[in-house]
Amino acid sequence: MNNERFSEYRIMWVLVFFDLPTETKKERKAYADFRKKIMKDGFTMFQFSIYMRHCASRENAEVHIKRVKSILPEYGDIGILCITDKQFGEIEVFHSQKPAKVEQPCQQLELF
């Protein structure tokens, strides 16, 4: 098996940042629908309004980025960031002032 396939420079993380209005019932529904749809596509919450997804390659990341773009709500601010596994591995997370361990997702398998 080719080790290049699992390179920390080839594996990608897609992060979706969003700030959506929630003042009206319609806005709260749009917020909830967007959140549910990205979770259905495999994104998990990193922090409030920041969701992330592990992708096996840049090409796979592009598929999920396209899906997010297809469900953008009418109002609000949304950012999408794609970084390598190597870059994500450099993250420092703190709970209060104490460093916290970043939980790595389980290894995803590719089926052909």
PDB file of N, CA and C in Angstrom:
ATOM      1  N   MET A   1       0.845  -1.181   0.000  1.00  0.00           N
ATOM      2  CA  MET A   1       0.000   0.000   0.000  1.00  0.00           C
ATOM      3  C   MET A   1       0.885   1.237   0.000  1.00  0.00           C
ATOM      4  N   ASN A   2       0.487   2.230  -0.712  1.00  0.00           N
ATOM      5  CA  ASN A   2       1.247   3.457  -0.868  1.00  0.00           C
ATOM      6  C   ASN A   2       1.090   4.340   0.373  1.00  0.00           C
ATOM      7  N   ASN A   3       2.205   4.616   1.071  1.00  0.00           N
ATOM      8  CA  ASN A   3       2.155   5.471   2.261  1.00  0.00           C
ATOM      9  C   ASN A   3       1.826   6.913   1.924  1.00  0.00           C
ATOM     10  N   GLU A   4       2.075   7.319   0.683  1.00  0.00           N
ATOM     11  CA  GLU A   4       1.736   8.677   0.231  1.00  0.00           C
ATOM     12  C   GLU A   4       0.244   8.939   0.419  1.00  0.00           C
ATOM     13  N   ARG A   5      -0.560   7.898   0.292  1.00  0.00           N
ATOM     14  CA  ARG A   5      -2.005   8.013   0.404  1.00  0.00           C
ATOM     15  C   ARG A   5      -2.430   8.514   1.785  1.00  0.00           C
ATOM     16  N   PHE A   6      -1.654   8.176   2.833  1.00  0.00           N
ATOM     17  CA  PHE A   6      -1.999   8.571   4.193  1.00  0.00           C
ATOM     18  C   PHE A   6      -1.061   9.646   4.734  1.00  0.00           C
ATOM     19  N   SER A   7      -0.433  10.396   3.870  1.00  0.00           N
ATOM     20  CA  SER A   7       0.494  11.447   4.267  1.00  0.00           C
ATOM     21  C   SER A   7      -0.230  12.548   5.032  1.00  0.00           C
ATOM     22  N   GLU A   8       0.431  13.071   6.082  1.00  0.00           N
ATOM     23  CA  GLU A   8      -0.159  14.161   6.870  1.00  0.00           C
ATOM     24  C   GLU A   8      -0.256  15.443   6.057  1.00  0.00           C
ATOM     25  N   TYR A   9       0.352  15.459   4.874  1.00  0.00           N
ATOM     26  CA  TYR A   9       0.230  16.613   3.987  1.00  0.00           C
ATOM     27  C   TYR A   9      -0.884  16.418   2.965  1.00  0.00           C
ATOM     28  N   ARG A  10      -1.332  15.181   2.790  1.00  0.00           N
ATOM     29  CA  ARG A  10      -2.424  14.884   1.859  1.00  0.00           C
ATOM     30  C   ARG A  10      -3.779  14.864   2.576  1.00  0.00           C
ATOM     31  N   ILE A  11      -3.812  14.344   3.781  1.00  0.00           N
ATOM     32  CA  ILE A  11      -5.051  14.303   4.570  1.00  0.00           C
ATOM     33  C   ILE A  11      -5.429  15.730   4.940  1.00  0.00           C
ATOM     34  N   MET A  12      -6.706  16.052   4.832  1.00  0.00           N
ATOM     35  CA  MET A  12      -7.163  17.423   5.042  1.00  0.00           C
ATOM     36  C   MET A  12      -8.216  17.502   6.148  1.00  0.00           C
ATOM     37  N   TRP A  13      -8.336  18.666   6.704  1.00  0.00           N
ATOM     38  CA  TRP A  13      -9.397  19.003   7.646  1.00  0.00           C
ATOM     39  C   TRP A  13     -10.159  20.185   7.063  1.00  0.00           C
ATOM     40  N   VAL A  14     -11.476  20.104   7.065  1.00  0.00           N
ATOM     41  CA  VAL A  14     -12.312  21.219   6.632  1.00  0.00           C
ATOM     42  C   VAL A  14     -12.988  21.769   7.881  1.00  0.00           C
ATOM     43  N   LEU A  15     -12.822  23.061   8.100  1.00  0.00           N
ATOM     44  CA  LEU A  15     -13.457  23.733   9.234  1.00  0.00           C
ATOM     45  C   LEU A  15     -14.493  24.709   8.702  1.00  0.00           C
ATOM     46  N   VAL A  16     -15.663  24.694   9.300  1.00  0.00           N
ATOM     47  CA  VAL A  16     -16.741  25.611   8.936  1.00  0.00           C
ATOM     48  C   VAL A  16     -17.028  26.481  10.151  1.00  0.00           C
ATOM     49  N   PHE A  17     -16.881  27.787   9.967  1.00  0.00           N
ATOM     50  CA  PHE A  17     -17.135  28.766  11.025  1.00  0.00           C
ATOM     51  C   PHE A  17     -18.420  29.498  10.643  1.00  0.00           C
ATOM     52  N   PHE A  18     -19.336  29.663  11.579  1.00  0.00           N
ATOM     53  CA  PHE A  18     -20.539  30.398  11.211  1.00  0.00           C
ATOM     54  C   PHE A  18     -21.095  31.219  12.357  1.00  0.00           C
ATOM     55  N   ASP A  19     -21.667  32.337  11.970  1.00  0.00           N
ATOM     56  CA  ASP A  19     -22.337  33.247  12.882  1.00  0.00           C
ATOM     57  C   ASP A  19     -23.670  33.573  12.219  1.00  0.00           C
ATOM     58  N   LEU A  20     -24.709  32.873  12.646  1.00  0.00           N
ATOM     59  CA  LEU A  20     -26.016  33.020  12.021  1.00  0.00           C
ATOM     60  C   LEU A  20     -26.983  33.709  12.974  1.00  0.00           C
ATOM     61  N   PRO A  21     -27.852  34.564  12.433  1.00  0.00           N
ATOM     62  CA  PRO A  21     -28.829  35.229  13.298  1.00  0.00           C
ATOM     63  C   PRO A  21     -29.832  34.231  13.861  1.00  0.00           C
ATOM     64  N   THR A  22     -30.286  34.489  15.092  1.00  0.00           N
ATOM     65  CA  THR A  22     -31.254  33.590  15.753  1.00  0.00           C
ATOM     66  C   THR A  22     -32.342  34.381  16.478  1.00  0.00           C
ATOM     67  N   GLU A  23     -32.632  35.586  15.991  1.00  0.00           N
ATOM     68  CA  GLU A  23     -33.610  36.433  16.684  1.00  0.00           C
ATOM     69  C   GLU A  23     -35.056  36.026  16.418  1.00  0.00           C
ATOM     70  N   THR A  24     -35.354  35.573  15.202  1.00  0.00           N
ATOM     71  CA  THR A  24     -36.729  35.190  14.878  1.00  0.00           C
ATOM     72  C   THR A  24     -36.836  33.662  14.794  1.00  0.00           C
ATOM     73  N   LYS A  25     -38.060  33.188  14.787  1.00  0.00           N
ATOM     74  CA  LYS A  25     -38.293  31.747  14.666  1.00  0.00           C
ATOM     75  C   LYS A  25     -37.743  31.221  13.334  1.00  0.00           C
ATOM     76  N   LYS A  26     -37.914  31.993  12.263  1.00  0.00           N
ATOM     77  CA  LYS A  26     -37.413  31.605  10.940  1.00  0.00           C
ATOM     78  C   LYS A  26     -35.882  31.515  10.954  1.00  0.00           C
ATOM     79  N   GLU A  27     -35.222  32.472  11.603  1.00  0.00           N
ATOM     80  CA  GLU A  27     -33.759  32.462  11.684  1.00  0.00           C
ATOM     81  C   GLU A  27     -33.251  31.286  12.509  1.00  0.00           C
ATOM     82  N   ARG A  28     -33.937  30.984  13.614  1.00  0.00           N
ATOM     83  CA  ARG A  28     -33.538  29.839  14.444  1.00  0.00           C
ATOM     84  C   ARG A  28     -33.686  28.537  13.671  1.00  0.00           C
ATOM     85  N   LYS A  29     -34.738  28.441  12.870  1.00  0.00           N
ATOM     86  CA  LYS A  29     -34.933  27.242  12.053  1.00  0.00           C
ATOM     87  C   LYS A  29     -33.827  27.121  11.007  1.00  0.00           C
ATOM     88  N   ALA A  30     -33.465  28.231  10.360  1.00  0.00           N
ATOM     89  CA  ALA A  30     -32.394  28.209   9.354  1.00  0.00           C
ATOM     90  C   ALA A  30     -31.071  27.799  10.005  1.00  0.00           C
ATOM     91  N   TYR A  31     -30.806  28.312  11.209  1.00  0.00           N
ATOM     92  CA  TYR A  31     -29.601  27.943  11.955  1.00  0.00           C
ATOM     93  C   TYR A  31     -29.591  26.443  12.240  1.00  0.00           C
ATOM     94  N   ALA A  32     -30.714  25.939  12.790  1.00  0.00           N
ATOM     95  CA  ALA A  32     -30.806  24.516  13.154  1.00  0.00           C
ATOM     96  C   ALA A  32     -30.687  23.623  11.917  1.00  0.00           C
ATOM     97  N   ASP A  33     -31.326  24.028  10.820  1.00  0.00           N
ATOM     98  CA  ASP A  33     -31.265  23.232   9.585  1.00  0.00           C
ATOM     99  C   ASP A  33     -29.834  23.168   9.048  1.00  0.00           C
ATOM    100  N   PHE A  34     -29.130  24.308   9.037  1.00  0.00           N
ATOM    101  CA  PHE A  34     -27.754  24.336   8.543  1.00  0.00           C
ATOM    102  C   PHE A  34     -26.874  23.427   9.398  1.00  0.00           C
ATOM    103  N   ARG A  35     -27.003  23.570  10.703  1.00  0.00           N
ATOM    104  CA  ARG A  35     -26.204  22.766  11.636  1.00  0.00           C
ATOM    105  C   ARG A  35     -26.477  21.272  11.447  1.00  0.00           C
ATOM    106  N   LYS A  36     -27.728  20.896  11.335  1.00  0.00           N
ATOM    107  CA  LYS A  36     -28.089  19.481  11.142  1.00  0.00           C
ATOM    108  C   LYS A  36     -27.538  18.930   9.825  1.00  0.00           C
ATOM    109  N   LYS A  37     -27.596  19.740   8.776  1.00  0.00           N
ATOM    110  CA  LYS A  37     -27.125  19.283   7.464  1.00  0.00           C
ATOM    111  C   LYS A  37     -25.621  19.076   7.454  1.00  0.00           C
ATOM    112  N   ILE A  38     -24.859  19.981   8.077  1.00  0.00           N
ATOM    113  CA  ILE A  38     -23.404  19.769   8.067  1.00  0.00           C
ATOM    114  C   ILE A  38     -23.029  18.587   8.958  1.00  0.00           C
ATOM    115  N   MET A  39     -23.788  18.379  10.044  1.00  0.00           N
ATOM    116  CA  MET A  39     -23.524  17.218  10.892  1.00  0.00           C
ATOM    117  C   MET A  39     -23.850  15.925  10.140  1.00  0.00           C
ATOM    118  N   LYS A  40     -24.906  15.941   9.345  1.00  0.00           N
ATOM    119  CA  LYS A  40     -25.273  14.766   8.544  1.00  0.00           C
ATOM    120  C   LYS A  40     -24.172  14.453   7.528  1.00  0.00           C
ATOM    121  N   ASP A  41     -23.439  15.486   7.104  1.00  0.00           N
ATOM    122  CA  ASP A  41     -22.342  15.307   6.153  1.00  0.00           C
ATOM    123  C   ASP A  41     -21.028  14.939   6.852  1.00  0.00           C
ATOM    124  N   GLY A  42     -21.077  14.687   8.155  1.00  0.00           N
ATOM    125  CA  GLY A  42     -19.889  14.195   8.851  1.00  0.00           C
ATOM    126  C   GLY A  42     -19.106  15.227   9.636  1.00  0.00           C
ATOM    127  N   PHE A  43     -19.592  16.454   9.717  1.00  0.00           N
ATOM    128  CA  PHE A  43     -18.911  17.475  10.508  1.00  0.00           C
ATOM    129  C   PHE A  43     -19.260  17.287  11.978  1.00  0.00           C
ATOM    130  N   THR A  44     -18.281  17.537  12.848  1.00  0.00           N
ATOM    131  CA  THR A  44     -18.505  17.467  14.287  1.00  0.00           C
ATOM    132  C   THR A  44     -18.146  18.807  14.909  1.00  0.00           C
ATOM    133  N   MET A  45     -18.774  19.101  16.038  1.00  0.00           N
ATOM    134  CA  MET A  45     -18.539  20.387  16.686  1.00  0.00           C
ATOM    135  C   MET A  45     -17.168  20.408  17.338  1.00  0.00           C
ATOM    136  N   PHE A  46     -16.409  21.453  17.034  1.00  0.00           N
ATOM    137  CA  PHE A  46     -15.121  21.703  17.670  1.00  0.00           C
ATOM    138  C   PHE A  46     -15.323  22.710  18.804  1.00  0.00           C
ATOM    139  N   GLN A  47     -16.041  23.759  18.520  1.00  0.00           N
ATOM    140  CA  GLN A  47     -16.490  24.759  19.493  1.00  0.00           C
ATOM    141  C   GLN A  47     -17.844  25.235  18.991  1.00  0.00           C
ATOM    142  N   PHE A  48     -18.530  26.025  19.802  1.00  0.00           N
ATOM    143  CA  PHE A  48     -19.806  26.560  19.332  1.00  0.00           C
ATOM    144  C   PHE A  48     -19.584  27.288  18.013  1.00  0.00           C
ATOM    145  N   SER A  49     -20.374  26.954  17.038  1.00  0.00           N
ATOM    146  CA  SER A  49     -20.331  27.559  15.705  1.00  0.00           C
ATOM    147  C   SER A  49     -19.037  27.297  14.935  1.00  0.00           C
ATOM    148  N   ILE A  50     -18.270  26.306  15.352  1.00  0.00           N
ATOM    149  CA  ILE A  50     -17.106  25.854  14.583  1.00  0.00           C
ATOM    150  C   ILE A  50     -17.211  24.331  14.472  1.00  0.00           C
ATOM    151  N   TYR A  51     -17.347  23.869  13.249  1.00  0.00           N
ATOM    152  CA  TYR A  51     -17.466  22.434  12.995  1.00  0.00           C
ATOM    153  C   TYR A  51     -16.335  21.997  12.084  1.00  0.00           C
ATOM    154  N   MET A  52     -15.905  20.747  12.229  1.00  0.00           N
ATOM    155  CA  MET A  52     -14.780  20.268  11.444  1.00  0.00           C
ATOM    156  C   MET A  52     -15.058  18.873  10.906  1.00  0.00           C
ATOM    157  N   ARG A  53     -14.345  18.553   9.825  1.00  0.00           N
ATOM    158  CA  ARG A  53     -14.483  17.235   9.206  1.00  0.00           C
ATOM    159  C   ARG A  53     -13.135  16.782   8.678  1.00  0.00           C
ATOM    160  N   HIS A  54     -12.818  15.538   8.945  1.00  0.00           N
ATOM    161  CA  HIS A  54     -11.589  14.893   8.469  1.00  0.00           C
ATOM    162  C   HIS A  54     -11.854  14.382   7.062  1.00  0.00           C
ATOM    163  N   CYS A  55     -10.930  14.651   6.145  1.00  0.00           N
ATOM    164  CA  CYS A  55     -11.073  14.193   4.763  1.00  0.00           C
ATOM    165  C   CYS A  55      -9.792  13.494   4.329  1.00  0.00           C
ATOM    166  N   ALA A  56      -9.933  12.442   3.566  1.00  0.00           N
ATOM    167  CA  ALA A  56      -8.787  11.624   3.163  1.00  0.00           C
ATOM    168  C   ALA A  56      -7.874  12.327   2.161  1.00  0.00           C
ATOM    169  N   SER A  57      -8.397  13.330   1.444  1.00  0.00           N
ATOM    170  CA  SER A  57      -7.595  13.995   0.414  1.00  0.00           C
ATOM    171  C   SER A  57      -8.175  15.376   0.127  1.00  0.00           C
ATOM    172  N   ARG A  58      -7.439  16.161  -0.620  1.00  0.00           N
ATOM    173  CA  ARG A  58      -7.913  17.487  -1.042  1.00  0.00           C
ATOM    174  C   ARG A  58      -9.161  17.340  -1.907  1.00  0.00           C
ATOM    175  N   GLU A  59      -9.162  16.317  -2.766  1.00  0.00           N
ATOM    176  CA  GLU A  59     -10.311  16.086  -3.647  1.00  0.00           C
ATOM    177  C   GLU A  59     -11.563  15.766  -2.822  1.00  0.00           C
ATOM    178  N   ASN A  60     -11.402  14.948  -1.790  1.00  0.00           N
ATOM    179  CA  ASN A  60     -12.515  14.616  -0.912  1.00  0.00           C
ATOM    180  C   ASN A  60     -12.985  15.862  -0.147  1.00  0.00           C
ATOM    181  N   ALA A  61     -12.052  16.676   0.294  1.00  0.00           N
ATOM    182  CA  ALA A  61     -12.394  17.919   1.001  1.00  0.00           C
ATOM    183  C   ALA A  61     -13.221  18.825   0.099  1.00  0.00           C
ATOM    184  N   GLU A  62     -12.853  18.907  -1.184  1.00  0.00           N
ATOM    185  CA  GLU A  62     -13.587  19.759  -2.121  1.00  0.00           C
ATOM    186  C   GLU A  62     -15.046  19.320  -2.258  1.00  0.00           C
ATOM    187  N   VAL A  63     -15.287  18.015  -2.198  1.00  0.00           N
ATOM    188  CA  VAL A  63     -16.662  17.494  -2.268  1.00  0.00           C
ATOM    189  C   VAL A  63     -17.478  18.034  -1.095  1.00  0.00           C
ATOM    190  N   HIS A  64     -16.902  17.995   0.100  1.00  0.00           N
ATOM    191  CA  HIS A  64     -17.629  18.439   1.283  1.00  0.00           C
ATOM    192  C   HIS A  64     -17.754  19.961   1.341  1.00  0.00           C
ATOM    193  N   ILE A  65     -16.756  20.664   0.851  1.00  0.00           N
ATOM    194  CA  ILE A  65     -16.846  22.128   0.771  1.00  0.00           C
ATOM    195  C   ILE A  65     -17.981  22.520  -0.176  1.00  0.00           C
ATOM    196  N   LYS A  66     -18.078  21.821  -1.301  1.00  0.00           N
ATOM    197  CA  LYS A  66     -19.151  22.090  -2.266  1.00  0.00           C
ATOM    198  C   LYS A  66     -20.522  21.841  -1.629  1.00  0.00           C
ATOM    199  N   ARG A  67     -20.636  20.783  -0.813  1.00  0.00           N
ATOM    200  CA  ARG A  67     -21.911  20.495  -0.144  1.00  0.00           C
ATOM    201  C   ARG A  67     -22.280  21.618   0.828  1.00  0.00           C
ATOM    202  N   VAL A  68     -21.292  22.099   1.584  1.00  0.00           N
ATOM    203  CA  VAL A  68     -21.571  23.198   2.519  1.00  0.00           C
ATOM    204  C   VAL A  68     -22.037  24.420   1.742  1.00  0.00           C
ATOM    205  N   LYS A  69     -21.363  24.732   0.661  1.00  0.00           N
ATOM    206  CA  LYS A  69     -21.739  25.906  -0.135  1.00  0.00           C
ATOM    207  C   LYS A  69     -23.153  25.769  -0.697  1.00  0.00           C
ATOM    208  N   SER A  70     -23.588  24.546  -0.951  1.00  0.00           N
ATOM    209  CA  SER A  70     -24.916  24.331  -1.529  1.00  0.00           C
ATOM    210  C   SER A  70     -26.044  24.517  -0.511  1.00  0.00           C
ATOM    211  N   ILE A  71     -25.716  24.561   0.776  1.00  0.00           N
ATOM    212  CA  ILE A  71     -26.762  24.689   1.811  1.00  0.00           C
ATOM    213  C   ILE A  71     -26.627  25.965   2.631  1.00  0.00           C
ATOM    214  N   LEU A  72     -25.897  26.950   2.120  1.00  0.00           N
ATOM    215  CA  LEU A  72     -25.715  28.196   2.868  1.00  0.00           C
ATOM    216  C   LEU A  72     -27.061  28.857   3.145  1.00  0.00           C
ATOM    217  N   PRO A  73     -27.283  29.275   4.389  1.00  0.00           N
ATOM    218  CA  PRO A  73     -28.525  29.973   4.696  1.00  0.00           C
ATOM    219  C   PRO A  73     -28.544  31.372   4.064  1.00  0.00           C
ATOM    220  N   GLU A  74     -29.726  31.942   3.988  1.00  0.00           N
ATOM    221  CA  GLU A  74     -29.897  33.250   3.352  1.00  0.00           C
ATOM    222  C   GLU A  74     -29.153  34.363   4.084  1.00  0.00           C
ATOM    223  N   TYR A  75     -29.132  34.303   5.420  1.00  0.00           N
ATOM    224  CA  TYR A  75     -28.501  35.353   6.216  1.00  0.00           C
ATOM    225  C   TYR A  75     -27.417  34.783   7.118  1.00  0.00           C
ATOM    226  N   GLY A  76     -26.453  35.618   7.473  1.00  0.00           N
ATOM    227  CA  GLY A  76     -25.403  35.208   8.388  1.00  0.00           C
ATOM    228  C   GLY A  76     -24.043  35.171   7.712  1.00  0.00           C
ATOM    229  N   ASP A  77     -23.039  34.895   8.509  1.00  0.00           N
ATOM    230  CA  ASP A  77     -21.658  34.852   8.032  1.00  0.00           C
ATOM    231  C   ASP A  77     -21.111  33.438   8.190  1.00  0.00           C
ATOM    232  N   ILE A  78     -20.500  32.934   7.123  1.00  0.00           N
ATOM    233  CA  ILE A  78     -19.954  31.581   7.135  1.00  0.00           C
ATOM    234  C   ILE A  78     -18.566  31.609   6.516  1.00  0.00           C
ATOM    235  N   GLY A  79     -17.621  30.945   7.164  1.00  0.00           N
ATOM    236  CA  GLY A  79     -16.277  30.804   6.630  1.00  0.00           C
ATOM    237  C   GLY A  79     -15.931  29.336   6.520  1.00  0.00           C
ATOM    238  N   ILE A  80     -15.167  28.994   5.497  1.00  0.00           N
ATOM    239  CA  ILE A  80     -14.722  27.616   5.285  1.00  0.00           C
ATOM    240  C   ILE A  80     -13.206  27.647   5.168  1.00  0.00           C
ATOM    241  N   LEU A  81     -12.537  26.825   5.957  1.00  0.00           N
ATOM    242  CA  LEU A  81     -11.075  26.758   5.944  1.00  0.00           C
ATOM    243  C   LEU A  81     -10.657  25.309   5.761  1.00  0.00           C
ATOM    244  N   CYS A  82      -9.726  25.090   4.849  1.00  0.00           N
ATOM    245  CA  CYS A  82      -9.212  23.749   4.592  1.00  0.00           C
ATOM    246  C   CYS A  82      -7.721  23.746   4.937  1.00  0.00           C
ATOM    247  N   ILE A  83      -7.313  22.847   5.839  1.00  0.00           N
ATOM    248  CA  ILE A  83      -5.910  22.762   6.246  1.00  0.00           C
ATOM    249  C   ILE A  83      -5.452  21.308   6.207  1.00  0.00           C
ATOM    250  N   THR A  84      -4.140  21.126   6.146  1.00  0.00           N
ATOM    251  CA  THR A  84      -3.602  19.768   6.132  1.00  0.00           C
ATOM    252  C   THR A  84      -3.651  19.163   7.535  1.00  0.00           C
ATOM    253  N   ASP A  85      -3.550  17.854   7.586  1.00  0.00           N
ATOM    254  CA  ASP A  85      -3.495  17.149   8.868  1.00  0.00           C
ATOM    255  C   ASP A  85      -2.272  17.599   9.667  1.00  0.00           C
ATOM    256  N   LYS A  86      -1.179  17.868   8.970  1.00  0.00           N
ATOM    257  CA  LYS A  86       0.045  18.346   9.622  1.00  0.00           C
ATOM    258  C   LYS A  86      -0.213  19.686  10.316  1.00  0.00           C
ATOM    259  N   GLN A  87      -0.890  20.608   9.638  1.00  0.00           N
ATOM    260  CA  GLN A  87      -1.216  21.900  10.226  1.00  0.00           C
ATOM    261  C   GLN A  87      -2.168  21.737  11.413  1.00  0.00           C
ATOM    262  N   PHE A  88      -3.179  20.884  11.240  1.00  0.00           N
ATOM    263  CA  PHE A  88      -4.138  20.668  12.324  1.00  0.00           C
ATOM    264  C   PHE A  88      -3.447  20.067  13.550  1.00  0.00           C
ATOM    265  N   GLY A  89      -2.438  19.244  13.320  1.00  0.00           N
ATOM    266  CA  GLY A  89      -1.707  18.620  14.412  1.00  0.00           C
ATOM    267  C   GLY A  89      -0.949  19.603  15.281  1.00  0.00           C
ATOM    268  N   GLU A  90      -0.749  20.819  14.801  1.00  0.00           N
ATOM    269  CA  GLU A  90      -0.042  21.848  15.559  1.00  0.00           C
ATOM    270  C   GLU A  90      -0.973  22.673  16.452  1.00  0.00           C
ATOM    271  N   ILE A  91      -2.254  22.374  16.449  1.00  0.00           N
ATOM    272  CA  ILE A  91      -3.213  23.155  17.227  1.00  0.00           C
ATOM    273  C   ILE A  91      -2.957  23.012  18.727  1.00  0.00           C
ATOM    274  N   GLU A  92      -3.138  24.094  19.446  1.00  0.00           N
ATOM    275  CA  GLU A  92      -3.074  24.080  20.900  1.00  0.00           C
ATOM    276  C   GLU A  92      -4.455  24.445  21.410  1.00  0.00           C
ATOM    277  N   VAL A  93      -5.013  23.619  22.272  1.00  0.00           N
ATOM    278  CA  VAL A  93      -6.347  23.838  22.807  1.00  0.00           C
ATOM    279  C   VAL A  93      -6.234  23.990  24.319  1.00  0.00           C
ATOM    280  N   PHE A  94      -6.961  24.961  24.866  1.00  0.00           N
ATOM    281  CA  PHE A  94      -6.932  25.209  26.303  1.00  0.00           C
ATOM    282  C   PHE A  94      -8.348  25.242  26.850  1.00  0.00           C
ATOM    283  N   HIS A  95      -8.534  24.620  27.996  1.00  0.00           N
ATOM    284  CA  HIS A  95      -9.763  24.738  28.766  1.00  0.00           C
ATOM    285  C   HIS A  95      -9.376  25.585  29.967  1.00  0.00           C
ATOM    286  N   SER A  96      -9.911  26.793  30.013  1.00  0.00           N
ATOM    287  CA  SER A  96      -9.461  27.799  30.970  1.00  0.00           C
ATOM    288  C   SER A  96      -7.992  28.056  30.669  1.00  0.00           C
ATOM    289  N   GLN A  97      -7.087  27.901  31.624  1.00  0.00           N
ATOM    290  CA  GLN A  97      -5.675  28.131  31.351  1.00  0.00           C
ATOM    291  C   GLN A  97      -4.891  26.836  31.256  1.00  0.00           C
ATOM    292  N   LYS A  98      -5.588  25.707  31.323  1.00  0.00           N
ATOM    293  CA  LYS A  98      -4.922  24.406  31.299  1.00  0.00           C
ATOM    294  C   LYS A  98      -4.926  23.824  29.894  1.00  0.00           C
ATOM    295  N   PRO A  99      -3.772  23.375  29.410  1.00  0.00           N
ATOM    296  CA  PRO A  99      -3.751  22.718  28.099  1.00  0.00           C
ATOM    297  C   PRO A  99      -4.659  21.487  28.115  1.00  0.00           C
ATOM    298  N   ALA A 100      -5.319  21.258  27.007  1.00  0.00           N
ATOM    299  CA  ALA A 100      -6.203  20.103  26.880  1.00  0.00           C
ATOM    300  C   ALA A 100      -5.743  19.251  25.715  1.00  0.00           C
ATOM    301  N   LYS A 101      -5.921  17.965  25.833  1.00  0.00           N
ATOM    302  CA  LYS A 101      -5.556  17.037  24.766  1.00  0.00           C
ATOM    303  C   LYS A 101      -6.572  17.155  23.633  1.00  0.00           C
ATOM    304  N   VAL A 102      -6.082  17.225  22.408  1.00  0.00           N
ATOM    305  CA  VAL A 102      -6.956  17.251  21.241  1.00  0.00           C
ATOM    306  C   VAL A 102      -7.276  15.817  20.887  1.00  0.00           C
ATOM    307  N   GLU A 103      -8.559  15.500  20.893  1.00  0.00           N
ATOM    308  CA  GLU A 103      -8.959  14.132  20.568  1.00  0.00           C
ATOM    309  C   GLU A 103      -8.871  13.921  19.069  1.00  0.00           C
ATOM    310  N   GLN A 104      -8.113  12.917  18.674  1.00  0.00           N
ATOM    311  CA  GLN A 104      -7.997  12.561  17.267  1.00  0.00           C
ATOM    312  C   GLN A 104      -9.152  11.638  16.911  1.00  0.00           C
ATOM    313  N   PRO A 105      -9.757  11.839  15.736  1.00  0.00           N
ATOM    314  CA  PRO A 105     -10.833  10.931  15.324  1.00  0.00           C
ATOM    315  C   PRO A 105     -10.252   9.553  15.022  1.00  0.00           C
ATOM    316  N   CYS A 106     -11.115   8.562  15.045  1.00  0.00           N
ATOM    317  CA  CYS A 106     -10.659   7.221  14.718  1.00  0.00           C
ATOM    318  C   CYS A 106     -10.243   7.177  13.247  1.00  0.00           C
ATOM    319  N   GLN A 107      -9.385   6.234  12.924  1.00  0.00           N
ATOM    320  CA  GLN A 107      -8.902   6.104  11.554  1.00  0.00           C
ATOM    321  C   GLN A 107     -10.079   5.781  10.632  1.00  0.00           C
ATOM    322  N   GLN A 108     -10.229   6.545   9.564  1.00  0.00           N
ATOM    323  CA  GLN A 108     -11.275   6.286   8.601  1.00  0.00           C
ATOM    324  C   GLN A 108     -10.745   5.363   7.518  1.00  0.00           C
ATOM    325  N   LEU A 109     -11.541   4.420   7.157  1.00  0.00           N
ATOM    326  CA  LEU A 109     -11.133   3.459   6.135  1.00  0.00           C
ATOM    327  C   LEU A 109     -11.750   3.848   4.789  1.00  0.00           C
ATOM    328  N   GLU A 110     -11.023   3.606   3.731  1.00  0.00           N
ATOM    329  CA  GLU A 110     -11.530   3.830   2.399  1.00  0.00           C
ATOM    330  C   GLU A 110     -11.963   2.488   1.820  1.00  0.00           C
ATOM    331  N   LEU A 111     -13.162   2.443   1.287  1.00  0.00           N
ATOM    332  CA  LEU A 111     -13.652   1.237   0.633  1.00  0.00           C
ATOM    333  C   LEU A 111     -13.764   1.516  -0.849  1.00  0.00           C
ATOM    334  N   PHE A 112     -13.380   0.556  -1.642  1.00  0.00           N
ATOM    335  CA  PHE A 112     -13.416   0.740  -3.090  1.00  0.00           C
ATOM    336  C   PHE A 112     -14.506  -0.076  -3.698  1.00  0.00           C
TER     337      PHE A 112
END
